[in-house]
Amino acid sequence: MATAPAPTTAAPAPPAAAAAAPSASVPRGQVDLVDFIDWTGVECLNQDPAHPIANAFKQGYREDDGLHLASDSDEQLLIYIPFMQVIKLHSVLFKGPEEEGPKSVKLFSNKEHMGFSNVNDFPPSDSVDLSSSHLLESKPVTLKYVKFQNVRSLTMFIEDNQSGADITQIQKIALYGTTVDTTNMKDLKKIEEH
C-alpha cells in the first residue's frame, strides 16, 4: 500500500522540483540560516551604499541576479552577522561573477567589534579559498564544523577577489547549519505546591 501513493505523487514532482532548484544546494541535514539572522545588528564595512549587504543576504534579494553586494574603496569587505539564537555552522555558499567574485575569505566565530585595523590580529576559525567554479555553480563550502558549534555571531573578512580587481561583487551569501536547542529561562514557570 505504501508504494502505490508514491508513483501518483511522483508524477507532479517534476514541476515542483524545478521550483525548488535553488534549495537543491542545501547540504543534507542542514537548513538555510537566513531566518535566524538578527538583521538589526548586521554590519558590512566598506560596502558600496548603492549595493548593500541586504542584496546578497536577504531572501528574495539574493535570488535576483540584478542585485549584488559590492565593495567601495577597495576589494575588501568585513561582514558581521549576529544570530537570534545559538547556531552550528556547517557550510557557506558564495555566488558571484567570475572576475570580481570573492577569493580568500576568513571566518571568525563569536568575534565582535572587528575592524580592518585588527582583523589580522586574530586567528580565523576557518579560511576558505574560493574558486571560480564555487562562485558560478553555487557550491557550498564545508567548514571545520568543530570550530562552529556554539555560534552567536559570525564575522567574514573577504580579503580579495578572483582577479585582483578594485571592486568585489557578491550576488549571494548563504549560511547552512542547524540551531542549538537551548532553554529560554523566561519561558520556565515556577511550580507551586498545593
N, C-alpha and C. Protein backbone atom coordinates (compact mmCIF):
# COMPACT_ATOMS: atom_id res chain seq x y z
N MET A 1 0.81 -1.19 0.00
CA MET A 1 0.00 0.00 0.00
C MET A 1 0.86 1.25 0.00
N ALA A 2 1.99 1.22 0.66
CA ALA A 2 2.85 2.40 0.74
C ALA A 2 3.47 2.72 -0.60
N THR A 3 3.66 1.74 -1.47
CA THR A 3 4.28 2.01 -2.76
C THR A 3 3.30 2.59 -3.76
N ALA A 4 2.02 2.34 -3.61
CA ALA A 4 1.03 2.85 -4.56
C ALA A 4 0.94 4.38 -4.54
N PRO A 5 0.89 5.07 -3.36
CA PRO A 5 0.82 6.52 -3.38
C PRO A 5 2.09 7.17 -3.92
N ALA A 6 3.24 6.53 -3.76
CA ALA A 6 4.49 7.14 -4.21
C ALA A 6 4.48 7.42 -5.71
N PRO A 7 4.06 6.48 -6.59
CA PRO A 7 4.05 6.80 -8.01
C PRO A 7 3.07 7.91 -8.36
N THR A 8 1.94 7.99 -7.69
CA THR A 8 0.99 9.05 -8.01
C THR A 8 1.53 10.41 -7.59
N THR A 9 2.30 10.48 -6.51
CA THR A 9 2.88 11.76 -6.12
C THR A 9 4.13 12.07 -6.95
N ALA A 10 4.73 11.06 -7.55
CA ALA A 10 5.93 11.28 -8.34
C ALA A 10 5.62 11.97 -9.66
N ALA A 11 4.43 11.79 -10.20
CA ALA A 11 4.09 12.41 -11.47
C ALA A 11 4.09 13.93 -11.39
N PRO A 12 3.48 14.57 -10.35
CA PRO A 12 3.53 16.02 -10.30
C PRO A 12 4.85 16.57 -9.77
N ALA A 13 5.77 15.72 -9.34
CA ALA A 13 7.01 16.19 -8.74
C ALA A 13 7.93 16.98 -9.66
N PRO A 14 8.06 16.66 -10.97
CA PRO A 14 9.00 17.43 -11.77
C PRO A 14 8.76 18.95 -11.78
N PRO A 15 7.51 19.47 -11.88
CA PRO A 15 7.37 20.91 -11.80
C PRO A 15 7.78 21.45 -10.43
N ALA A 16 7.47 20.73 -9.37
CA ALA A 16 7.86 21.18 -8.04
C ALA A 16 9.38 21.15 -7.88
N ALA A 17 10.02 20.15 -8.46
CA ALA A 17 11.48 20.05 -8.37
C ALA A 17 12.12 21.23 -9.08
N ALA A 18 11.55 21.67 -10.18
CA ALA A 18 12.10 22.82 -10.89
C ALA A 18 11.96 24.08 -10.03
N ALA A 19 10.84 24.21 -9.31
CA ALA A 19 10.64 25.36 -8.46
C ALA A 19 11.58 25.33 -7.26
N ALA A 20 11.96 24.14 -6.81
CA ALA A 20 12.82 24.01 -5.63
C ALA A 20 14.30 23.95 -5.98
N ALA A 21 14.66 24.19 -7.22
CA ALA A 21 16.05 24.08 -7.65
C ALA A 21 17.02 24.93 -6.84
N PRO A 22 16.70 26.20 -6.44
CA PRO A 22 17.67 26.96 -5.67
C PRO A 22 18.02 26.31 -4.33
N SER A 23 17.08 25.60 -3.70
CA SER A 23 17.39 24.99 -2.42
C SER A 23 18.06 23.62 -2.57
N ALA A 24 18.27 23.19 -3.80
CA ALA A 24 18.90 21.89 -4.04
C ALA A 24 20.33 21.87 -3.51
N SER A 25 20.97 23.03 -3.34
CA SER A 25 22.34 23.07 -2.88
C SER A 25 22.46 23.03 -1.36
N VAL A 26 21.34 23.01 -0.62
CA VAL A 26 21.38 22.94 0.83
C VAL A 26 21.93 21.56 1.23
N PRO A 27 23.03 21.53 1.98
CA PRO A 27 23.59 20.23 2.37
C PRO A 27 22.59 19.42 3.20
N ARG A 28 22.65 18.11 3.04
CA ARG A 28 21.72 17.21 3.72
C ARG A 28 21.80 17.38 5.24
N GLY A 29 20.63 17.48 5.87
CA GLY A 29 20.56 17.61 7.31
C GLY A 29 20.77 19.03 7.82
N GLN A 30 20.99 19.98 6.92
CA GLN A 30 21.24 21.37 7.30
C GLN A 30 20.08 22.24 6.81
N VAL A 31 19.97 23.45 7.35
CA VAL A 31 18.97 24.41 6.90
C VAL A 31 19.65 25.72 6.55
N ASP A 32 18.99 26.51 5.73
CA ASP A 32 19.46 27.87 5.43
C ASP A 32 19.21 28.70 6.68
N LEU A 33 20.24 29.30 7.23
CA LEU A 33 20.14 30.02 8.50
C LEU A 33 19.66 31.46 8.36
N VAL A 34 19.19 31.86 7.19
CA VAL A 34 18.78 33.24 6.95
C VAL A 34 17.70 33.70 7.94
N ASP A 35 16.80 32.81 8.35
CA ASP A 35 15.72 33.18 9.27
C ASP A 35 16.20 33.39 10.70
N PHE A 36 17.44 33.03 11.00
CA PHE A 36 17.96 33.16 12.35
C PHE A 36 18.94 34.33 12.50
N ILE A 37 19.10 35.12 11.44
CA ILE A 37 19.99 36.28 11.48
C ILE A 37 19.27 37.44 12.16
N ASP A 38 19.97 38.14 13.06
CA ASP A 38 19.44 39.34 13.71
C ASP A 38 19.79 40.52 12.80
N TRP A 39 18.86 40.89 11.94
CA TRP A 39 19.13 41.90 10.90
C TRP A 39 19.44 43.27 11.47
N THR A 40 18.99 43.55 12.71
CA THR A 40 19.26 44.87 13.30
C THR A 40 20.74 45.06 13.62
N GLY A 41 21.48 43.96 13.76
CA GLY A 41 22.89 44.06 14.11
C GLY A 41 23.86 43.77 12.97
N VAL A 42 23.35 43.42 11.79
CA VAL A 42 24.23 43.09 10.66
C VAL A 42 24.97 44.35 10.20
N GLU A 43 26.29 44.21 10.03
CA GLU A 43 27.12 45.32 9.57
C GLU A 43 28.01 44.84 8.44
N CYS A 44 28.31 45.76 7.52
CA CYS A 44 29.26 45.45 6.46
C CYS A 44 30.13 46.68 6.24
N LEU A 45 31.41 46.55 6.56
CA LEU A 45 32.35 47.65 6.37
C LEU A 45 32.87 47.65 4.94
N ASN A 46 32.99 48.84 4.38
CA ASN A 46 33.48 49.08 3.02
C ASN A 46 32.49 48.64 1.94
N GLN A 47 31.19 48.64 2.25
CA GLN A 47 30.20 48.33 1.22
C GLN A 47 29.84 49.59 0.45
N ASP A 48 29.57 49.42 -0.83
CA ASP A 48 29.08 50.50 -1.67
C ASP A 48 27.64 50.77 -1.24
N PRO A 49 27.30 52.00 -0.85
CA PRO A 49 25.93 52.29 -0.40
C PRO A 49 24.85 51.96 -1.44
N ALA A 50 25.22 51.97 -2.71
CA ALA A 50 24.26 51.63 -3.77
C ALA A 50 24.09 50.11 -3.92
N HIS A 51 25.01 49.33 -3.33
CA HIS A 51 24.96 47.86 -3.42
C HIS A 51 25.22 47.28 -2.03
N PRO A 52 24.22 47.38 -1.11
CA PRO A 52 24.42 46.98 0.29
C PRO A 52 24.37 45.46 0.52
N ILE A 53 24.70 45.09 1.75
CA ILE A 53 24.76 43.68 2.17
C ILE A 53 23.43 42.96 2.00
N ALA A 54 22.31 43.65 2.17
CA ALA A 54 20.99 43.01 2.05
C ALA A 54 20.80 42.38 0.67
N ASN A 55 21.42 42.95 -0.36
CA ASN A 55 21.29 42.40 -1.71
C ASN A 55 21.81 40.98 -1.83
N ALA A 56 22.82 40.64 -1.03
CA ALA A 56 23.43 39.31 -1.11
C ALA A 56 22.88 38.34 -0.07
N PHE A 57 22.30 38.87 1.02
CA PHE A 57 21.89 38.02 2.13
C PHE A 57 20.40 37.75 2.23
N LYS A 58 19.59 38.78 2.04
CA LYS A 58 18.15 38.62 2.31
C LYS A 58 17.45 37.81 1.25
N GLN A 59 16.53 36.95 1.70
CA GLN A 59 15.77 36.14 0.76
C GLN A 59 14.95 37.04 -0.14
N GLY A 60 14.85 36.65 -1.41
CA GLY A 60 14.15 37.47 -2.39
C GLY A 60 15.13 38.38 -3.11
N TYR A 61 16.01 39.04 -2.37
CA TYR A 61 17.03 39.91 -2.96
C TYR A 61 18.15 39.07 -3.56
N ARG A 62 18.62 38.09 -2.78
CA ARG A 62 19.80 37.32 -3.21
C ARG A 62 19.51 36.40 -4.39
N GLU A 63 18.23 36.15 -4.69
CA GLU A 63 17.88 35.34 -5.86
C GLU A 63 17.80 36.19 -7.12
N ASP A 64 17.82 37.52 -6.98
CA ASP A 64 17.73 38.44 -8.11
C ASP A 64 19.15 38.69 -8.65
N ASP A 65 19.43 38.20 -9.86
CA ASP A 65 20.78 38.34 -10.42
C ASP A 65 21.17 39.79 -10.70
N GLY A 66 20.19 40.69 -10.71
CA GLY A 66 20.48 42.11 -10.94
C GLY A 66 20.98 42.82 -9.70
N LEU A 67 20.83 42.21 -8.53
CA LEU A 67 21.27 42.82 -7.27
C LEU A 67 22.54 42.14 -6.78
N HIS A 68 23.39 42.90 -6.12
CA HIS A 68 24.61 42.33 -5.55
C HIS A 68 25.17 43.24 -4.47
N LEU A 69 26.05 42.68 -3.66
CA LEU A 69 26.84 43.43 -2.70
C LEU A 69 28.14 43.81 -3.40
N ALA A 70 28.58 45.05 -3.23
CA ALA A 70 29.84 45.48 -3.84
C ALA A 70 30.67 46.24 -2.82
N SER A 71 31.98 46.07 -2.92
CA SER A 71 32.89 46.84 -2.07
C SER A 71 33.00 48.26 -2.61
N ASP A 72 33.49 49.16 -1.78
CA ASP A 72 33.52 50.58 -2.16
C ASP A 72 34.92 51.07 -2.55
N SER A 73 35.79 51.26 -1.56
CA SER A 73 37.09 51.89 -1.86
C SER A 73 38.18 50.92 -2.29
N ASP A 74 38.05 49.64 -1.95
CA ASP A 74 38.98 48.62 -2.43
C ASP A 74 38.25 47.28 -2.45
N GLU A 75 38.97 46.18 -2.62
CA GLU A 75 38.33 44.88 -2.81
C GLU A 75 37.89 44.21 -1.51
N GLN A 76 38.27 44.74 -0.35
CA GLN A 76 38.00 44.07 0.91
C GLN A 76 36.62 44.42 1.47
N LEU A 77 36.02 43.44 2.15
CA LEU A 77 34.74 43.61 2.85
C LEU A 77 34.86 42.94 4.22
N LEU A 78 34.25 43.52 5.23
CA LEU A 78 34.21 42.93 6.55
C LEU A 78 32.75 42.89 6.99
N ILE A 79 32.22 41.68 7.13
CA ILE A 79 30.79 41.48 7.38
C ILE A 79 30.60 40.85 8.76
N TYR A 80 29.75 41.49 9.57
CA TYR A 80 29.41 40.99 10.89
C TYR A 80 27.96 40.55 10.90
N ILE A 81 27.71 39.29 11.32
CA ILE A 81 26.36 38.71 11.31
C ILE A 81 26.05 38.15 12.69
N PRO A 82 25.18 38.82 13.46
CA PRO A 82 24.72 38.24 14.72
C PRO A 82 23.50 37.34 14.47
N PHE A 83 23.33 36.35 15.32
CA PHE A 83 22.19 35.45 15.20
C PHE A 83 21.24 35.65 16.38
N MET A 84 19.97 35.35 16.16
CA MET A 84 18.95 35.50 17.21
C MET A 84 19.04 34.36 18.23
N GLN A 85 19.67 33.27 17.85
CA GLN A 85 19.90 32.16 18.77
C GLN A 85 21.19 31.47 18.38
N VAL A 86 21.68 30.63 19.25
CA VAL A 86 22.95 29.94 19.01
C VAL A 86 22.75 28.93 17.86
N ILE A 87 23.72 28.91 16.95
CA ILE A 87 23.66 28.01 15.79
C ILE A 87 24.94 27.19 15.69
N LYS A 88 24.87 26.13 14.89
CA LYS A 88 26.03 25.35 14.47
C LYS A 88 26.17 25.60 12.99
N LEU A 89 27.30 26.14 12.57
CA LEU A 89 27.52 26.46 11.16
C LEU A 89 28.24 25.31 10.47
N HIS A 90 27.66 24.80 9.41
CA HIS A 90 28.20 23.66 8.67
C HIS A 90 28.95 24.10 7.42
N SER A 91 28.33 24.99 6.62
CA SER A 91 28.93 25.38 5.35
C SER A 91 28.44 26.76 4.93
N VAL A 92 29.18 27.36 3.98
CA VAL A 92 28.83 28.66 3.42
C VAL A 92 28.80 28.56 1.91
N LEU A 93 27.99 29.41 1.33
CA LEU A 93 27.89 29.45 -0.13
C LEU A 93 28.04 30.89 -0.58
N PHE A 94 28.90 31.11 -1.57
CA PHE A 94 29.08 32.42 -2.18
C PHE A 94 28.80 32.28 -3.66
N LYS A 95 28.02 33.21 -4.21
CA LYS A 95 27.78 33.26 -5.65
C LYS A 95 28.21 34.64 -6.12
N GLY A 96 28.97 34.68 -7.20
CA GLY A 96 29.44 35.96 -7.70
C GLY A 96 30.02 35.83 -9.09
N PRO A 97 30.37 36.97 -9.68
CA PRO A 97 30.96 36.93 -11.02
C PRO A 97 32.36 36.31 -11.01
N GLU A 98 32.72 35.75 -12.15
CA GLU A 98 33.99 35.03 -12.27
C GLU A 98 35.21 35.90 -11.96
N GLU A 99 35.18 37.17 -12.36
CA GLU A 99 36.33 38.05 -12.17
C GLU A 99 36.32 38.75 -10.80
N GLU A 100 35.16 39.35 -10.43
CA GLU A 100 35.09 40.16 -9.22
C GLU A 100 34.58 39.40 -8.00
N GLY A 101 34.28 38.12 -8.14
CA GLY A 101 33.80 37.34 -7.01
C GLY A 101 34.87 37.16 -5.96
N PRO A 102 34.48 36.92 -4.70
CA PRO A 102 35.46 36.77 -3.61
C PRO A 102 36.36 35.55 -3.81
N LYS A 103 37.58 35.66 -3.30
CA LYS A 103 38.52 34.55 -3.40
C LYS A 103 38.92 34.05 -2.02
N SER A 104 39.58 34.88 -1.23
CA SER A 104 40.04 34.48 0.10
C SER A 104 39.09 35.04 1.15
N VAL A 105 38.49 34.13 1.94
CA VAL A 105 37.53 34.52 2.97
C VAL A 105 37.98 33.92 4.30
N LYS A 106 38.08 34.77 5.33
CA LYS A 106 38.39 34.31 6.68
C LYS A 106 37.12 34.43 7.50
N LEU A 107 36.81 33.38 8.26
CA LEU A 107 35.61 33.36 9.08
C LEU A 107 35.99 33.30 10.56
N PHE A 108 35.34 34.14 11.34
CA PHE A 108 35.60 34.24 12.77
C PHE A 108 34.31 33.98 13.54
N SER A 109 34.34 33.02 14.43
CA SER A 109 33.17 32.69 15.25
C SER A 109 33.21 33.51 16.54
N ASN A 110 32.11 34.20 16.85
CA ASN A 110 31.93 34.94 18.10
C ASN A 110 32.99 36.01 18.35
N LYS A 111 33.47 36.67 17.30
CA LYS A 111 34.40 37.79 17.45
C LYS A 111 33.65 39.07 17.07
N GLU A 112 33.42 39.91 18.07
CA GLU A 112 32.69 41.15 17.84
C GLU A 112 33.65 42.32 17.72
N HIS A 113 33.17 43.41 17.16
CA HIS A 113 33.88 44.68 17.07
C HIS A 113 35.22 44.57 16.35
N MET A 114 35.24 43.83 15.28
CA MET A 114 36.46 43.73 14.48
C MET A 114 36.43 44.82 13.41
N GLY A 115 37.61 45.30 13.08
CA GLY A 115 37.75 46.29 12.02
C GLY A 115 38.90 45.88 11.11
N PHE A 116 39.08 46.64 10.04
CA PHE A 116 40.17 46.32 9.12
C PHE A 116 41.53 46.44 9.81
N SER A 117 41.63 47.30 10.83
CA SER A 117 42.91 47.51 11.51
C SER A 117 43.31 46.33 12.40
N ASN A 118 42.32 45.55 12.90
CA ASN A 118 42.68 44.46 13.81
C ASN A 118 42.26 43.07 13.32
N VAL A 119 41.74 42.95 12.11
CA VAL A 119 41.25 41.66 11.63
C VAL A 119 42.37 40.62 11.52
N ASN A 120 43.58 41.05 11.28
CA ASN A 120 44.70 40.11 11.17
C ASN A 120 45.36 39.82 12.51
N ASP A 121 44.85 40.45 13.60
CA ASP A 121 45.38 40.18 14.94
C ASP A 121 44.83 38.89 15.54
N PHE A 122 43.75 38.37 14.96
CA PHE A 122 43.09 37.18 15.49
C PHE A 122 43.20 36.03 14.50
N PRO A 123 43.43 34.81 14.99
CA PRO A 123 43.42 33.67 14.06
C PRO A 123 41.98 33.37 13.66
N PRO A 124 41.73 33.13 12.38
CA PRO A 124 40.35 32.81 11.96
C PRO A 124 39.95 31.42 12.44
N SER A 125 38.64 31.24 12.64
CA SER A 125 38.12 29.91 12.96
C SER A 125 38.29 28.99 11.76
N ASP A 126 38.21 29.56 10.56
CA ASP A 126 38.44 28.82 9.32
C ASP A 126 38.73 29.81 8.20
N SER A 127 39.43 29.36 7.18
CA SER A 127 39.71 30.15 5.99
C SER A 127 39.24 29.38 4.78
N VAL A 128 38.69 30.10 3.82
CA VAL A 128 38.17 29.46 2.61
C VAL A 128 38.79 30.13 1.40
N ASP A 129 39.31 29.33 0.48
CA ASP A 129 39.79 29.83 -0.81
C ASP A 129 38.80 29.38 -1.87
N LEU A 130 38.05 30.33 -2.38
CA LEU A 130 37.00 30.03 -3.35
C LEU A 130 37.57 30.01 -4.77
N SER A 131 37.11 29.06 -5.55
CA SER A 131 37.47 29.01 -6.97
C SER A 131 36.34 29.64 -7.76
N SER A 132 36.59 29.92 -9.02
CA SER A 132 35.53 30.49 -9.86
C SER A 132 34.38 29.50 -10.03
N SER A 133 34.67 28.19 -9.97
CA SER A 133 33.58 27.20 -10.09
C SER A 133 32.67 27.25 -8.86
N HIS A 134 33.23 27.52 -7.67
CA HIS A 134 32.39 27.69 -6.48
C HIS A 134 31.41 28.84 -6.69
N LEU A 135 31.90 29.93 -7.25
CA LEU A 135 31.08 31.13 -7.42
C LEU A 135 30.02 30.97 -8.50
N LEU A 136 30.38 30.34 -9.60
CA LEU A 136 29.46 30.21 -10.73
C LEU A 136 28.44 29.10 -10.53
N GLU A 137 28.84 28.01 -9.88
CA GLU A 137 27.96 26.85 -9.73
C GLU A 137 27.24 26.83 -8.38
N SER A 138 27.44 27.87 -7.56
CA SER A 138 26.80 27.95 -6.24
C SER A 138 27.05 26.69 -5.42
N LYS A 139 28.32 26.34 -5.27
CA LYS A 139 28.70 25.16 -4.47
C LYS A 139 28.97 25.58 -3.03
N PRO A 140 28.28 24.97 -2.05
CA PRO A 140 28.60 25.26 -0.65
C PRO A 140 29.98 24.72 -0.30
N VAL A 141 30.67 25.44 0.58
CA VAL A 141 31.98 25.02 1.06
C VAL A 141 31.82 24.56 2.50
N THR A 142 32.19 23.32 2.78
CA THR A 142 32.08 22.77 4.13
C THR A 142 33.19 23.35 5.00
N LEU A 143 32.79 23.78 6.20
CA LEU A 143 33.73 24.40 7.13
C LEU A 143 34.23 23.38 8.15
N LYS A 144 35.20 23.80 8.96
CA LYS A 144 35.67 22.98 10.08
C LYS A 144 34.56 23.01 11.12
N TYR A 145 33.68 22.03 11.04
CA TYR A 145 32.43 22.02 11.82
C TYR A 145 32.67 22.15 13.32
N VAL A 146 33.76 21.58 13.83
CA VAL A 146 34.03 21.64 15.28
C VAL A 146 34.33 23.07 15.73
N LYS A 147 34.74 23.93 14.83
CA LYS A 147 35.06 25.32 15.17
C LYS A 147 33.82 26.21 15.21
N PHE A 148 32.68 25.68 14.75
CA PHE A 148 31.47 26.49 14.64
C PHE A 148 30.28 25.82 15.34
N GLN A 149 30.50 25.36 16.59
CA GLN A 149 29.47 24.62 17.31
C GLN A 149 28.51 25.49 18.11
N ASN A 150 28.96 26.56 18.68
CA ASN A 150 28.12 27.44 19.51
C ASN A 150 28.29 28.87 19.02
N VAL A 151 27.78 29.15 17.85
CA VAL A 151 28.00 30.43 17.20
C VAL A 151 26.86 31.40 17.52
N ARG A 152 27.22 32.52 18.13
CA ARG A 152 26.26 33.60 18.39
C ARG A 152 26.40 34.71 17.35
N SER A 153 27.61 34.80 16.77
CA SER A 153 27.86 35.77 15.70
C SER A 153 28.98 35.24 14.80
N LEU A 154 28.96 35.74 13.58
CA LEU A 154 29.96 35.34 12.59
C LEU A 154 30.50 36.59 11.92
N THR A 155 31.82 36.67 11.83
CA THR A 155 32.46 37.76 11.10
C THR A 155 33.17 37.15 9.91
N MET A 156 32.92 37.71 8.72
CA MET A 156 33.55 37.23 7.49
C MET A 156 34.41 38.36 6.93
N PHE A 157 35.68 38.05 6.70
CA PHE A 157 36.60 39.00 6.09
C PHE A 157 36.90 38.54 4.67
N ILE A 158 36.38 39.27 3.70
CA ILE A 158 36.67 38.99 2.29
C ILE A 158 37.94 39.77 1.98
N GLU A 159 39.02 39.03 1.84
CA GLU A 159 40.34 39.64 1.71
C GLU A 159 40.64 40.11 0.29
N ASP A 160 40.22 39.33 -0.71
CA ASP A 160 40.50 39.69 -2.09
C ASP A 160 39.48 39.03 -3.00
N ASN A 161 39.64 39.27 -4.31
CA ASN A 161 38.73 38.66 -5.27
C ASN A 161 39.51 37.86 -6.30
N GLN A 162 38.80 37.23 -7.21
CA GLN A 162 39.41 36.29 -8.16
C GLN A 162 40.47 36.93 -9.06
N SER A 163 40.25 38.17 -9.49
CA SER A 163 41.16 38.77 -10.47
C SER A 163 42.06 39.86 -9.91
N GLY A 164 41.89 40.21 -8.63
CA GLY A 164 42.66 41.31 -8.06
C GLY A 164 42.09 42.66 -8.43
N ALA A 165 40.84 42.71 -8.88
CA ALA A 165 40.18 43.97 -9.25
C ALA A 165 39.95 44.83 -8.02
N ASP A 166 39.65 46.12 -8.23
CA ASP A 166 39.42 47.05 -7.13
C ASP A 166 38.09 46.84 -6.43
N ILE A 167 37.13 46.23 -7.11
CA ILE A 167 35.79 46.04 -6.55
C ILE A 167 35.50 44.55 -6.45
N THR A 168 34.97 44.13 -5.29
CA THR A 168 34.50 42.76 -5.11
C THR A 168 32.98 42.79 -5.20
N GLN A 169 32.41 41.82 -5.92
CA GLN A 169 30.95 41.71 -6.04
C GLN A 169 30.51 40.33 -5.58
N ILE A 170 29.42 40.32 -4.81
CA ILE A 170 28.84 39.07 -4.33
C ILE A 170 27.35 39.12 -4.59
N GLN A 171 26.84 38.14 -5.34
CA GLN A 171 25.42 38.09 -5.65
C GLN A 171 24.62 37.37 -4.56
N LYS A 172 25.24 36.38 -3.90
CA LYS A 172 24.52 35.62 -2.89
C LYS A 172 25.49 35.09 -1.85
N ILE A 173 25.06 35.19 -0.59
CA ILE A 173 25.76 34.54 0.52
C ILE A 173 24.71 33.73 1.26
N ALA A 174 24.97 32.46 1.47
CA ALA A 174 24.06 31.61 2.24
C ALA A 174 24.86 30.87 3.29
N LEU A 175 24.28 30.76 4.48
CA LEU A 175 24.89 30.05 5.59
C LEU A 175 24.03 28.84 5.90
N TYR A 176 24.65 27.66 5.99
CA TYR A 176 23.91 26.43 6.24
C TYR A 176 24.38 25.80 7.55
N GLY A 177 23.44 25.32 8.32
CA GLY A 177 23.76 24.69 9.59
C GLY A 177 22.49 24.31 10.31
N THR A 178 22.58 24.25 11.63
CA THR A 178 21.42 23.92 12.45
C THR A 178 21.40 24.84 13.66
N THR A 179 20.24 24.90 14.31
CA THR A 179 20.15 25.67 15.54
C THR A 179 20.51 24.77 16.71
N VAL A 180 20.95 25.39 17.78
CA VAL A 180 21.27 24.66 19.01
C VAL A 180 20.07 24.81 19.92
N ASP A 181 19.53 23.69 20.37
CA ASP A 181 18.39 23.74 21.28
C ASP A 181 18.86 24.23 22.64
N THR A 182 18.29 25.37 23.05
CA THR A 182 18.63 25.93 24.35
C THR A 182 17.34 26.19 25.11
N THR A 183 17.45 26.31 26.39
CA THR A 183 16.29 26.59 27.22
C THR A 183 16.22 28.09 27.47
N ASN A 184 15.08 28.69 27.15
CA ASN A 184 14.87 30.09 27.44
C ASN A 184 14.36 30.17 28.87
N MET A 185 15.17 30.71 29.76
CA MET A 185 14.82 30.74 31.18
C MET A 185 13.54 31.54 31.45
N LYS A 186 13.21 32.48 30.61
CA LYS A 186 12.00 33.29 30.77
C LYS A 186 10.74 32.45 30.53
N ASP A 187 10.87 31.37 29.76
CA ASP A 187 9.72 30.52 29.46
C ASP A 187 9.40 29.55 30.60
N LEU A 188 10.33 29.37 31.52
CA LEU A 188 10.09 28.45 32.63
C LEU A 188 9.15 29.08 33.64
N LYS A 189 8.24 28.29 34.17
CA LYS A 189 7.28 28.78 35.16
C LYS A 189 7.53 28.06 36.47
N LYS A 190 7.39 28.80 37.54
CA LYS A 190 7.58 28.22 38.85
C LYS A 190 6.41 27.30 39.15
N ILE A 191 6.72 26.11 39.63
CA ILE A 191 5.68 25.16 40.00
C ILE A 191 5.35 25.38 41.47
N GLU A 192 4.10 25.67 41.71
CA GLU A 192 3.67 25.92 43.07
C GLU A 192 3.08 24.65 43.68
N GLU A 193 3.47 24.38 44.93
CA GLU A 193 2.93 23.23 45.63
C GLU A 193 1.62 23.60 46.29
N HIS A 194 0.66 22.71 46.25
CA HIS A 194 -0.65 22.96 46.87
C HIS A 194 -0.78 22.18 48.14
